[in-house]
Amino acid sequence: MAIVLCTVAQISAARIVCWTNSDGVRECGNAVPPEYAQGSTERKSTQGITLERTRRALTPEELAAAREQRAEMEVEEAERERIAKARAQADRVLLATFTTEEDMMLTRDGKMAAIESRIRHSRQIGKKLEESLSELEADAAKMERGGKQVSPELQAQIEDIRFQISENEDDIARREQDKIQVSEQFDADLARYRELKGVSSN
């Protein structure tokens, strides 16, 4: 047993360590000089076999960058988890709300019909506004032909009608966009529903 312990001690003592000095030259010895202790090192046997490698210590800037990177990764992971939970919740709602694809289609058609009804109503309002504007503009033109100045009251009425027409047209445009969104959402929901149910779209 004493012989084995002596051999182990001799092998341990025979190990050497290598480092890079301030001039970039590789040096080796029994111990790393204190001024190079923070650098990367290699421990080798007397036969030149690398037994252990250590990386140099990180600078304060590198440590700060590493902490920032870890923080960013944690934020990204938290966002992925949030999205996954939201998706799982949406899937549960989708399956609980609709029993068949036909149910989904009926819901879509109902939303589309409601939007179309609102658009028709807005167009009717727009038509009446256009008629009112034509009458007011005709009155203004008649006053100008008679050599009279258009009254401030009439001019204000004309501007107000024009504003209402613009607002009404914007409302119709928004409703048309709603139709597109309903259609796109339906297509996405239907595809996901089929995926969850394991139904082929073909």
N, C-alpha and C. Protein backbone atom coordinates (compact mmCIF):
# COMPACT_ATOMS: atom_id res chain seq x y z
N MET A 1 0.83 -1.20 0.00
CA MET A 1 0.00 0.00 0.00
C MET A 1 0.86 1.25 0.00
N ALA A 2 1.97 1.23 0.74
CA ALA A 2 2.88 2.38 0.80
C ALA A 2 3.49 2.65 -0.54
N ILE A 3 3.78 1.57 -1.29
CA ILE A 3 4.38 1.74 -2.62
C ILE A 3 3.39 2.43 -3.53
N VAL A 4 2.09 2.06 -3.48
CA VAL A 4 1.05 2.67 -4.32
C VAL A 4 0.92 4.14 -4.00
N LEU A 5 0.89 4.51 -2.75
CA LEU A 5 0.76 5.92 -2.37
C LEU A 5 1.95 6.72 -2.85
N CYS A 6 3.10 6.17 -2.77
CA CYS A 6 4.31 6.86 -3.23
C CYS A 6 4.27 7.09 -4.72
N THR A 7 3.77 6.10 -5.44
CA THR A 7 3.69 6.22 -6.90
C THR A 7 2.71 7.31 -7.30
N VAL A 8 1.55 7.36 -6.64
CA VAL A 8 0.55 8.39 -6.92
C VAL A 8 1.11 9.77 -6.65
N ALA A 9 1.83 9.91 -5.53
CA ALA A 9 2.42 11.20 -5.19
C ALA A 9 3.46 11.63 -6.21
N GLN A 10 4.24 10.66 -6.70
CA GLN A 10 5.24 10.98 -7.71
C GLN A 10 4.59 11.42 -9.03
N ILE A 11 3.50 10.74 -9.38
CA ILE A 11 2.80 11.10 -10.63
C ILE A 11 2.22 12.49 -10.51
N SER A 12 1.62 12.80 -9.32
CA SER A 12 1.05 14.13 -9.11
C SER A 12 2.10 15.20 -9.19
N ALA A 13 3.26 14.92 -8.58
CA ALA A 13 4.33 15.91 -8.60
C ALA A 13 4.90 16.09 -9.99
N ALA A 14 4.76 15.05 -10.82
CA ALA A 14 5.35 15.11 -12.16
C ALA A 14 4.53 15.95 -13.12
N ARG A 15 3.31 16.31 -12.75
CA ARG A 15 2.46 17.11 -13.64
C ARG A 15 3.00 18.52 -13.76
N ILE A 16 2.85 19.10 -14.94
CA ILE A 16 3.27 20.48 -15.18
C ILE A 16 2.10 21.28 -15.69
N VAL A 17 2.20 22.58 -15.58
CA VAL A 17 1.12 23.46 -16.02
C VAL A 17 1.68 24.47 -17.01
N CYS A 18 0.89 24.79 -18.03
CA CYS A 18 1.32 25.73 -19.07
C CYS A 18 0.37 26.92 -19.11
N TRP A 19 0.90 28.07 -19.44
CA TRP A 19 0.14 29.31 -19.53
C TRP A 19 0.73 30.20 -20.61
N THR A 20 0.05 31.29 -20.93
CA THR A 20 0.53 32.25 -21.92
C THR A 20 0.91 33.53 -21.20
N ASN A 21 2.16 34.00 -21.44
CA ASN A 21 2.60 35.21 -20.75
C ASN A 21 2.10 36.46 -21.44
N SER A 22 2.49 37.60 -20.91
CA SER A 22 1.99 38.88 -21.43
C SER A 22 2.46 39.18 -22.85
N ASP A 23 3.50 38.49 -23.30
CA ASP A 23 4.00 38.67 -24.67
C ASP A 23 3.36 37.67 -25.64
N GLY A 24 2.45 36.87 -25.12
CA GLY A 24 1.80 35.88 -25.97
C GLY A 24 2.59 34.61 -26.15
N VAL A 25 3.64 34.42 -25.33
CA VAL A 25 4.48 33.24 -25.44
C VAL A 25 3.99 32.17 -24.48
N ARG A 26 3.94 30.93 -24.97
CA ARG A 26 3.50 29.81 -24.14
C ARG A 26 4.64 29.38 -23.23
N GLU A 27 4.35 29.30 -21.91
CA GLU A 27 5.34 28.88 -20.94
C GLU A 27 4.78 27.74 -20.09
N CYS A 28 5.68 26.95 -19.51
CA CYS A 28 5.26 25.83 -18.69
C CYS A 28 6.12 25.76 -17.43
N GLY A 29 5.60 25.20 -16.37
CA GLY A 29 6.33 25.05 -15.12
C GLY A 29 5.50 24.28 -14.12
N ASN A 30 5.99 24.27 -12.88
CA ASN A 30 5.27 23.53 -11.82
C ASN A 30 4.05 24.30 -11.31
N ALA A 31 4.06 25.64 -11.43
CA ALA A 31 2.96 26.46 -10.94
C ALA A 31 2.81 27.70 -11.81
N VAL A 32 1.58 28.20 -11.91
CA VAL A 32 1.31 29.39 -12.71
C VAL A 32 1.71 30.62 -11.91
N PRO A 33 2.50 31.53 -12.49
CA PRO A 33 2.83 32.77 -11.79
C PRO A 33 1.55 33.53 -11.43
N PRO A 34 1.53 34.23 -10.31
CA PRO A 34 0.31 34.93 -9.87
C PRO A 34 -0.26 35.88 -10.90
N GLU A 35 0.62 36.55 -11.67
CA GLU A 35 0.12 37.53 -12.63
C GLU A 35 -0.62 36.89 -13.80
N TYR A 36 -0.44 35.55 -13.98
CA TYR A 36 -1.13 34.86 -15.08
C TYR A 36 -2.18 33.88 -14.56
N ALA A 37 -2.47 33.96 -13.26
CA ALA A 37 -3.40 33.00 -12.66
C ALA A 37 -4.81 33.09 -13.21
N GLN A 38 -5.20 34.28 -13.72
CA GLN A 38 -6.54 34.45 -14.26
C GLN A 38 -6.66 34.05 -15.72
N GLY A 39 -5.55 33.68 -16.35
CA GLY A 39 -5.59 33.29 -17.75
C GLY A 39 -5.91 31.82 -17.92
N SER A 40 -6.05 31.38 -19.15
CA SER A 40 -6.32 29.97 -19.42
C SER A 40 -5.05 29.16 -19.19
N THR A 41 -5.22 27.95 -18.71
CA THR A 41 -4.07 27.09 -18.42
C THR A 41 -4.33 25.67 -18.88
N GLU A 42 -3.24 24.90 -18.98
CA GLU A 42 -3.33 23.48 -19.29
C GLU A 42 -2.42 22.73 -18.34
N ARG A 43 -2.94 21.68 -17.76
CA ARG A 43 -2.10 20.81 -16.93
C ARG A 43 -1.75 19.58 -17.75
N LYS A 44 -0.43 19.27 -17.80
CA LYS A 44 0.05 18.17 -18.63
C LYS A 44 0.88 17.20 -17.82
N SER A 45 0.96 15.98 -18.31
CA SER A 45 1.86 15.00 -17.71
C SER A 45 3.25 15.22 -18.27
N THR A 46 4.22 14.55 -17.69
CA THR A 46 5.59 14.68 -18.19
C THR A 46 5.73 14.14 -19.60
N GLN A 47 4.76 13.35 -20.03
CA GLN A 47 4.77 12.85 -21.41
C GLN A 47 4.09 13.82 -22.38
N GLY A 48 3.63 14.97 -21.87
CA GLY A 48 3.00 15.97 -22.73
C GLY A 48 1.52 15.74 -22.95
N ILE A 49 0.92 14.81 -22.23
CA ILE A 49 -0.51 14.54 -22.36
C ILE A 49 -1.30 15.57 -21.55
N THR A 50 -2.27 16.21 -22.19
CA THR A 50 -3.10 17.21 -21.49
C THR A 50 -4.04 16.51 -20.53
N LEU A 51 -3.93 16.89 -19.28
CA LEU A 51 -4.76 16.28 -18.24
C LEU A 51 -5.95 17.14 -17.88
N GLU A 52 -5.81 18.46 -18.00
CA GLU A 52 -6.89 19.37 -17.58
C GLU A 52 -6.70 20.71 -18.26
N ARG A 53 -7.79 21.34 -18.62
CA ARG A 53 -7.76 22.68 -19.20
C ARG A 53 -8.66 23.59 -18.36
N THR A 54 -8.23 24.80 -18.15
CA THR A 54 -9.07 25.79 -17.47
C THR A 54 -9.16 27.03 -18.35
N ARG A 55 -10.32 27.62 -18.40
CA ARG A 55 -10.51 28.83 -19.20
C ARG A 55 -10.10 30.04 -18.38
N ARG A 56 -9.72 31.07 -19.09
CA ARG A 56 -9.34 32.31 -18.41
C ARG A 56 -10.56 32.91 -17.74
N ALA A 57 -10.34 33.70 -16.71
CA ALA A 57 -11.43 34.39 -16.03
C ALA A 57 -12.02 35.47 -16.93
N LEU A 58 -13.34 35.63 -16.86
CA LEU A 58 -14.00 36.63 -17.68
C LEU A 58 -13.73 38.03 -17.15
N THR A 59 -13.66 38.98 -18.06
CA THR A 59 -13.50 40.37 -17.67
C THR A 59 -14.84 40.89 -17.14
N PRO A 60 -14.84 42.02 -16.41
CA PRO A 60 -16.12 42.58 -15.94
C PRO A 60 -17.09 42.85 -17.08
N GLU A 61 -16.57 43.29 -18.24
CA GLU A 61 -17.43 43.55 -19.39
C GLU A 61 -18.05 42.26 -19.90
N GLU A 62 -17.23 41.19 -19.95
CA GLU A 62 -17.74 39.90 -20.42
C GLU A 62 -18.76 39.32 -19.44
N LEU A 63 -18.50 39.50 -18.15
CA LEU A 63 -19.47 39.04 -17.15
C LEU A 63 -20.80 39.77 -17.29
N ALA A 64 -20.72 41.09 -17.52
CA ALA A 64 -21.95 41.88 -17.69
C ALA A 64 -22.70 41.44 -18.94
N ALA A 65 -21.95 41.18 -20.03
CA ALA A 65 -22.58 40.72 -21.28
C ALA A 65 -23.23 39.36 -21.08
N ALA A 66 -22.56 38.48 -20.31
CA ALA A 66 -23.12 37.15 -20.06
C ALA A 66 -24.41 37.25 -19.24
N ARG A 67 -24.40 38.13 -18.23
CA ARG A 67 -25.62 38.32 -17.42
C ARG A 67 -26.76 38.87 -18.28
N GLU A 68 -26.42 39.81 -19.16
CA GLU A 68 -27.45 40.38 -20.04
C GLU A 68 -28.01 39.33 -20.98
N GLN A 69 -27.12 38.47 -21.50
CA GLN A 69 -27.58 37.42 -22.39
C GLN A 69 -28.49 36.44 -21.67
N ARG A 70 -28.12 36.08 -20.43
CA ARG A 70 -28.97 35.18 -19.64
C ARG A 70 -30.33 35.81 -19.37
N ALA A 71 -30.31 37.11 -19.06
CA ALA A 71 -31.57 37.81 -18.81
C ALA A 71 -32.46 37.80 -20.05
N GLU A 72 -31.86 38.04 -21.22
CA GLU A 72 -32.62 38.03 -22.47
C GLU A 72 -33.20 36.65 -22.74
N MET A 73 -32.39 35.61 -22.48
CA MET A 73 -32.86 34.25 -22.69
C MET A 73 -34.01 33.92 -21.76
N GLU A 74 -33.95 34.41 -20.52
CA GLU A 74 -35.03 34.17 -19.56
C GLU A 74 -36.31 34.86 -20.01
N VAL A 75 -36.17 36.08 -20.55
CA VAL A 75 -37.34 36.81 -21.06
C VAL A 75 -37.95 36.08 -22.24
N GLU A 76 -37.09 35.60 -23.15
CA GLU A 76 -37.58 34.87 -24.32
C GLU A 76 -38.29 33.58 -23.91
N GLU A 77 -37.71 32.89 -22.93
CA GLU A 77 -38.32 31.65 -22.46
C GLU A 77 -39.68 31.92 -21.81
N ALA A 78 -39.74 33.01 -21.03
CA ALA A 78 -41.00 33.38 -20.39
C ALA A 78 -42.05 33.72 -21.45
N GLU A 79 -41.64 34.39 -22.52
CA GLU A 79 -42.58 34.73 -23.59
C GLU A 79 -43.06 33.49 -24.31
N ARG A 80 -42.14 32.54 -24.54
CA ARG A 80 -42.55 31.28 -25.18
C ARG A 80 -43.56 30.53 -24.31
N GLU A 81 -43.33 30.54 -23.01
CA GLU A 81 -44.26 29.87 -22.11
C GLU A 81 -45.62 30.57 -22.12
N ARG A 82 -45.59 31.91 -22.14
CA ARG A 82 -46.85 32.67 -22.17
C ARG A 82 -47.64 32.35 -23.43
N ILE A 83 -46.94 32.33 -24.57
CA ILE A 83 -47.61 32.04 -25.84
C ILE A 83 -48.18 30.62 -25.83
N ALA A 84 -47.40 29.67 -25.29
CA ALA A 84 -47.86 28.28 -25.25
C ALA A 84 -49.10 28.15 -24.38
N LYS A 85 -49.12 28.83 -23.23
CA LYS A 85 -50.29 28.78 -22.35
C LYS A 85 -51.51 29.41 -23.00
N ALA A 86 -51.28 30.56 -23.69
CA ALA A 86 -52.39 31.23 -24.38
C ALA A 86 -52.94 30.35 -25.49
N ARG A 87 -52.03 29.67 -26.20
CA ARG A 87 -52.47 28.79 -27.28
C ARG A 87 -53.28 27.61 -26.72
N ALA A 88 -52.80 27.06 -25.60
CA ALA A 88 -53.53 25.94 -25.00
C ALA A 88 -54.92 26.38 -24.54
N GLN A 89 -55.00 27.57 -23.96
CA GLN A 89 -56.29 28.10 -23.53
C GLN A 89 -57.22 28.33 -24.71
N ALA A 90 -56.68 28.89 -25.79
CA ALA A 90 -57.48 29.12 -26.99
C ALA A 90 -57.98 27.80 -27.58
N ASP A 91 -57.14 26.78 -27.53
CA ASP A 91 -57.54 25.48 -28.04
C ASP A 91 -58.70 24.90 -27.22
N ARG A 92 -58.59 25.05 -25.91
CA ARG A 92 -59.68 24.55 -25.05
C ARG A 92 -60.99 25.27 -25.34
N VAL A 93 -60.92 26.58 -25.52
CA VAL A 93 -62.12 27.36 -25.82
C VAL A 93 -62.69 26.94 -27.17
N LEU A 94 -61.81 26.74 -28.15
CA LEU A 94 -62.26 26.37 -29.49
C LEU A 94 -63.02 25.04 -29.46
N LEU A 95 -62.46 24.06 -28.77
CA LEU A 95 -63.09 22.74 -28.71
C LEU A 95 -64.37 22.77 -27.87
N ALA A 96 -64.40 23.64 -26.85
CA ALA A 96 -65.59 23.72 -26.00
C ALA A 96 -66.72 24.49 -26.68
N THR A 97 -66.37 25.39 -27.58
CA THR A 97 -67.37 26.25 -28.23
C THR A 97 -68.05 25.56 -29.40
N PHE A 98 -67.27 24.82 -30.18
CA PHE A 98 -67.81 24.22 -31.41
C PHE A 98 -67.76 22.69 -31.34
N THR A 99 -68.89 22.09 -31.67
CA THR A 99 -68.99 20.63 -31.69
C THR A 99 -68.62 20.08 -33.06
N THR A 100 -69.00 20.82 -34.11
CA THR A 100 -68.71 20.38 -35.47
C THR A 100 -68.23 21.57 -36.31
N GLU A 101 -67.72 21.26 -37.48
CA GLU A 101 -67.31 22.32 -38.40
C GLU A 101 -68.50 23.15 -38.86
N GLU A 102 -69.66 22.49 -38.94
CA GLU A 102 -70.86 23.20 -39.35
C GLU A 102 -71.21 24.30 -38.34
N ASP A 103 -70.98 24.03 -37.06
CA ASP A 103 -71.21 25.06 -36.04
C ASP A 103 -70.34 26.28 -36.29
N MET A 104 -69.10 26.03 -36.67
CA MET A 104 -68.18 27.13 -36.94
C MET A 104 -68.65 27.95 -38.14
N MET A 105 -69.11 27.26 -39.16
CA MET A 105 -69.58 27.94 -40.37
C MET A 105 -70.82 28.79 -40.08
N LEU A 106 -71.72 28.26 -39.24
CA LEU A 106 -72.91 29.02 -38.89
C LEU A 106 -72.54 30.28 -38.12
N THR A 107 -71.58 30.17 -37.23
CA THR A 107 -71.13 31.34 -36.48
C THR A 107 -70.50 32.38 -37.40
N ARG A 108 -69.66 31.90 -38.33
CA ARG A 108 -69.06 32.83 -39.30
C ARG A 108 -70.12 33.52 -40.13
N ASP A 109 -71.07 32.74 -40.65
CA ASP A 109 -72.11 33.31 -41.50
C ASP A 109 -72.95 34.33 -40.73
N GLY A 110 -73.19 34.07 -39.44
CA GLY A 110 -73.95 35.01 -38.64
C GLY A 110 -73.20 36.33 -38.46
N LYS A 111 -71.90 36.25 -38.22
CA LYS A 111 -71.10 37.46 -38.08
C LYS A 111 -71.06 38.24 -39.39
N MET A 112 -70.90 37.52 -40.48
CA MET A 112 -70.86 38.17 -41.79
C MET A 112 -72.18 38.87 -42.09
N ALA A 113 -73.28 38.22 -41.78
CA ALA A 113 -74.60 38.79 -42.05
C ALA A 113 -74.80 40.07 -41.24
N ALA A 114 -74.34 40.06 -39.98
CA ALA A 114 -74.48 41.24 -39.13
C ALA A 114 -73.66 42.41 -39.68
N ILE A 115 -72.48 42.11 -40.16
CA ILE A 115 -71.63 43.17 -40.73
C ILE A 115 -72.24 43.71 -42.02
N GLU A 116 -72.74 42.83 -42.86
CA GLU A 116 -73.36 43.24 -44.12
C GLU A 116 -74.57 44.13 -43.85
N SER A 117 -75.34 43.78 -42.82
CA SER A 117 -76.51 44.58 -42.48
C SER A 117 -76.09 45.99 -42.07
N ARG A 118 -75.01 46.07 -41.30
CA ARG A 118 -74.52 47.38 -40.85
C ARG A 118 -74.01 48.19 -42.05
N ILE A 119 -73.38 47.52 -42.98
CA ILE A 119 -72.86 48.22 -44.17
C ILE A 119 -74.02 48.77 -45.01
N ARG A 120 -75.06 47.95 -45.19
CA ARG A 120 -76.21 48.41 -45.96
C ARG A 120 -76.85 49.62 -45.31
N HIS A 121 -76.95 49.58 -43.99
CA HIS A 121 -77.53 50.70 -43.26
C HIS A 121 -76.69 51.97 -43.45
N SER A 122 -75.37 51.81 -43.37
CA SER A 122 -74.48 52.96 -43.54
C SER A 122 -74.57 53.52 -44.96
N ARG A 123 -74.74 52.65 -45.93
CA ARG A 123 -74.85 53.12 -47.31
C ARG A 123 -76.16 53.89 -47.52
N GLN A 124 -77.20 53.44 -46.86
CA GLN A 124 -78.47 54.17 -46.95
C GLN A 124 -78.32 55.56 -46.33
N ILE A 125 -77.65 55.63 -45.20
CA ILE A 125 -77.40 56.92 -44.58
C ILE A 125 -76.56 57.80 -45.50
N GLY A 126 -75.56 57.18 -46.11
CA GLY A 126 -74.69 57.92 -47.01
C GLY A 126 -75.46 58.50 -48.19
N LYS A 127 -76.39 57.72 -48.71
CA LYS A 127 -77.19 58.20 -49.83
C LYS A 127 -78.02 59.42 -49.43
N LYS A 128 -78.62 59.38 -48.25
CA LYS A 128 -79.42 60.52 -47.78
C LYS A 128 -78.54 61.75 -47.53
N LEU A 129 -77.35 61.50 -47.01
CA LEU A 129 -76.43 62.62 -46.78
C LEU A 129 -76.01 63.27 -48.09
N GLU A 130 -75.76 62.42 -49.09
CA GLU A 130 -75.38 62.95 -50.41
C GLU A 130 -76.51 63.79 -50.99
N GLU A 131 -77.75 63.34 -50.82
CA GLU A 131 -78.91 64.10 -51.32
C GLU A 131 -79.02 65.44 -50.59
N SER A 132 -78.81 65.42 -49.28
CA SER A 132 -78.87 66.67 -48.51
C SER A 132 -77.77 67.63 -48.94
N LEU A 133 -76.58 67.07 -49.19
CA LEU A 133 -75.47 67.91 -49.62
C LEU A 133 -75.76 68.55 -50.97
N SER A 134 -76.33 67.78 -51.87
CA SER A 134 -76.66 68.31 -53.19
C SER A 134 -77.64 69.46 -53.09
N GLU A 135 -78.63 69.33 -52.22
CA GLU A 135 -79.63 70.39 -52.06
C GLU A 135 -78.98 71.66 -51.48
N LEU A 136 -78.12 71.48 -50.47
CA LEU A 136 -77.47 72.64 -49.85
C LEU A 136 -76.52 73.32 -50.83
N GLU A 137 -75.79 72.52 -51.60
CA GLU A 137 -74.86 73.10 -52.57
C GLU A 137 -75.63 73.83 -53.68
N ALA A 138 -76.82 73.30 -54.03
CA ALA A 138 -77.66 73.97 -55.02
C ALA A 138 -78.14 75.31 -54.48
N ASP A 139 -78.50 75.37 -53.21
CA ASP A 139 -78.93 76.64 -52.60
C ASP A 139 -77.78 77.64 -52.59
N ALA A 140 -76.57 77.14 -52.28
CA ALA A 140 -75.41 78.03 -52.25
C ALA A 140 -75.11 78.57 -53.65
N ALA A 141 -75.22 77.71 -54.66
CA ALA A 141 -74.96 78.15 -56.04
C ALA A 141 -75.99 79.17 -56.49
N LYS A 142 -77.23 78.96 -56.08
CA LYS A 142 -78.30 79.89 -56.44
C LYS A 142 -78.05 81.27 -55.83
N MET A 143 -77.57 81.30 -54.59
CA MET A 143 -77.27 82.57 -53.94
C MET A 143 -76.12 83.29 -54.66
N GLU A 144 -75.12 82.51 -55.07
CA GLU A 144 -73.97 83.12 -55.76
C GLU A 144 -74.39 83.66 -57.12
N ARG A 145 -75.25 82.93 -57.82
CA ARG A 145 -75.72 83.41 -59.13
C ARG A 145 -76.55 84.69 -58.97
N GLY A 146 -77.22 84.82 -57.85
CA GLY A 146 -78.02 86.02 -57.61
C GLY A 146 -77.20 87.17 -57.06
N GLY A 147 -75.88 86.95 -57.04
CA GLY A 147 -75.01 88.02 -56.58
C GLY A 147 -74.94 88.14 -55.07
N LYS A 148 -75.43 87.14 -54.38
CA LYS A 148 -75.40 87.17 -52.92
C LYS A 148 -74.24 86.30 -52.40
N GLN A 149 -73.81 86.63 -51.24
CA GLN A 149 -72.75 85.85 -50.59
C GLN A 149 -73.38 84.71 -49.81
N VAL A 150 -72.76 83.51 -49.89
CA VAL A 150 -73.29 82.36 -49.16
C VAL A 150 -73.22 82.65 -47.67
N SER A 151 -74.35 82.46 -47.00
CA SER A 151 -74.40 82.78 -45.57
C SER A 151 -73.51 81.83 -44.77
N PRO A 152 -72.99 82.32 -43.65
CA PRO A 152 -72.17 81.46 -42.80
C PRO A 152 -72.93 80.23 -42.31
N GLU A 153 -74.22 80.40 -42.06
CA GLU A 153 -75.03 79.27 -41.60
C GLU A 153 -75.10 78.16 -42.65
N LEU A 154 -75.32 78.56 -43.91
CA LEU A 154 -75.40 77.58 -44.99
C LEU A 154 -74.05 76.92 -45.21
N GLN A 155 -73.00 77.70 -45.18
CA GLN A 155 -71.66 77.15 -45.37
C GLN A 155 -71.34 76.14 -44.27
N ALA A 156 -71.77 76.46 -43.04
CA ALA A 156 -71.53 75.55 -41.92
C ALA A 156 -72.29 74.24 -42.10
N GLN A 157 -73.53 74.36 -42.62
CA GLN A 157 -74.32 73.15 -42.88
C GLN A 157 -73.64 72.26 -43.92
N ILE A 158 -73.15 72.90 -44.97
CA ILE A 158 -72.47 72.15 -46.04
C ILE A 158 -71.24 71.43 -45.48
N GLU A 159 -70.44 72.12 -44.67
CA GLU A 159 -69.23 71.51 -44.11
C GLU A 159 -69.59 70.36 -43.16
N ASP A 160 -70.67 70.54 -42.40
CA ASP A 160 -71.08 69.49 -41.47
C ASP A 160 -71.53 68.24 -42.22
N ILE A 161 -72.29 68.43 -43.31
CA ILE A 161 -72.74 67.29 -44.10
C ILE A 161 -71.54 66.58 -44.74
N ARG A 162 -70.60 67.36 -45.24
CA ARG A 162 -69.41 66.74 -45.83
C ARG A 162 -68.64 65.91 -44.79
N PHE A 163 -68.57 66.42 -43.58
CA PHE A 163 -67.89 65.70 -42.51
C PHE A 163 -68.62 64.39 -42.19
N GLN A 164 -69.95 64.45 -42.14
CA GLN A 164 -70.73 63.24 -41.85
C GLN A 164 -70.55 62.20 -42.96
N ILE A 165 -70.49 62.68 -44.19
CA ILE A 165 -70.28 61.75 -45.31
C ILE A 165 -68.92 61.06 -45.19
N SER A 166 -67.91 61.84 -44.85
CA SER A 166 -66.57 61.27 -44.68
C SER A 166 -66.54 60.23 -43.56
N GLU A 167 -67.17 60.56 -42.43
CA GLU A 167 -67.22 59.63 -41.31
C GLU A 167 -67.98 58.36 -41.68
N ASN A 168 -69.03 58.50 -42.43
CA ASN A 168 -69.83 57.36 -42.84
C ASN A 168 -69.04 56.45 -43.79
N GLU A 169 -68.29 57.05 -44.69
CA GLU A 169 -67.46 56.27 -45.61
C GLU A 169 -66.36 55.52 -44.85
N ASP A 170 -65.80 56.18 -43.82
CA ASP A 170 -64.80 55.51 -43.00
C ASP A 170 -65.40 54.33 -42.26
N ASP A 171 -66.64 54.50 -41.81
CA ASP A 171 -67.32 53.41 -41.10
C ASP A 171 -67.53 52.21 -42.02
N ILE A 172 -67.92 52.48 -43.25
CA ILE A 172 -68.11 51.40 -44.22
C ILE A 172 -66.79 50.69 -44.49
N ALA A 173 -65.72 51.45 -44.62
CA ALA A 173 -64.40 50.85 -44.86
C ALA A 173 -63.97 49.96 -43.70
N ARG A 174 -64.26 50.41 -42.47
CA ARG A 174 -63.93 49.58 -41.30
C ARG A 174 -64.75 48.30 -41.29
N ARG A 175 -66.01 48.41 -41.66
CA ARG A 175 -66.86 47.21 -41.70
C ARG A 175 -66.37 46.22 -42.76
N GLU A 176 -65.91 46.74 -43.88
CA GLU A 176 -65.38 45.86 -44.93
C GLU A 176 -64.12 45.15 -44.42
N GLN A 177 -63.32 45.87 -43.66
CA GLN A 177 -62.12 45.26 -43.07
C GLN A 177 -62.51 44.21 -42.04
N ASP A 178 -63.59 44.46 -41.31
CA ASP A 178 -64.07 43.48 -40.35
C ASP A 178 -64.43 42.17 -41.05
N LYS A 179 -65.02 42.27 -42.22
CA LYS A 179 -65.38 41.07 -42.98
C LYS A 179 -64.15 40.24 -43.31
N ILE A 180 -63.09 40.94 -43.71
CA ILE A 180 -61.84 40.24 -44.05
C ILE A 180 -61.27 39.55 -42.82
N GLN A 181 -61.29 40.25 -41.68
CA GLN A 181 -60.76 39.68 -40.45
C GLN A 181 -61.56 38.48 -39.98
N VAL A 182 -62.88 38.56 -40.09
CA VAL A 182 -63.73 37.42 -39.71
C VAL A 182 -63.42 36.22 -40.58
N SER A 183 -63.25 36.46 -41.88
CA SER A 183 -62.95 35.37 -42.80
C SER A 183 -61.60 34.73 -42.49
N GLU A 184 -60.59 35.58 -42.25
CA GLU A 184 -59.25 35.07 -41.95
C GLU A 184 -59.24 34.32 -40.63
N GLN A 185 -59.94 34.84 -39.63
CA GLN A 185 -59.99 34.17 -38.34
C GLN A 185 -60.69 32.83 -38.44
N PHE A 186 -61.75 32.80 -39.25
CA PHE A 186 -62.47 31.53 -39.44
C PHE A 186 -61.55 30.49 -40.08
N ASP A 187 -60.81 30.90 -41.11
CA ASP A 187 -59.91 29.96 -41.78
C ASP A 187 -58.86 29.43 -40.80
N ALA A 188 -58.31 30.31 -39.96
CA ALA A 188 -57.30 29.90 -38.99
C ALA A 188 -57.92 28.97 -37.94
N ASP A 189 -59.11 29.32 -37.45
CA ASP A 189 -59.77 28.50 -36.44
C ASP A 189 -60.14 27.13 -37.00
N LEU A 190 -60.61 27.11 -38.24
CA LEU A 190 -61.01 25.85 -38.85
C LEU A 190 -59.80 24.93 -39.03
N ALA A 191 -58.69 25.50 -39.48
CA ALA A 191 -57.47 24.70 -39.66
C ALA A 191 -57.01 24.14 -38.31
N ARG A 192 -57.04 24.98 -37.27
CA ARG A 192 -56.61 24.51 -35.95
C ARG A 192 -57.59 23.47 -35.40
N TYR A 193 -58.88 23.68 -35.62
CA TYR A 193 -59.90 22.74 -35.16
C TYR A 193 -59.67 21.37 -35.78
N ARG A 194 -59.41 21.37 -37.09
CA ARG A 194 -59.15 20.10 -37.77
C ARG A 194 -57.88 19.44 -37.25
N GLU A 195 -56.88 20.27 -36.95
CA GLU A 195 -55.62 19.74 -36.42
C GLU A 195 -55.85 19.09 -35.06
N LEU A 196 -56.61 19.76 -34.20
CA LEU A 196 -56.88 19.22 -32.86
C LEU A 196 -57.74 17.96 -32.93
N LYS A 197 -58.63 17.93 -33.90
CA LYS A 197 -59.51 16.78 -34.05
C LYS A 197 -58.87 15.66 -34.85
N GLY A 198 -57.73 15.96 -35.47
CA GLY A 198 -57.06 14.96 -36.30
C GLY A 198 -57.81 14.69 -37.58
N VAL A 199 -58.47 15.74 -38.12
CA VAL A 199 -59.23 15.61 -39.35
C VAL A 199 -58.46 16.20 -40.50
N SER A 200 -58.39 15.50 -41.62
CA SER A 200 -57.69 15.99 -42.80
C SER A 200 -58.54 17.03 -43.48
N SER A 201 -57.86 18.08 -44.05
CA SER A 201 -58.60 19.14 -44.76
C SER A 201 -58.93 18.75 -46.17
N ASN A 202 -58.40 17.60 -46.62
CA ASN A 202 -58.67 17.15 -48.00
C ASN A 202 -60.00 16.42 -48.08
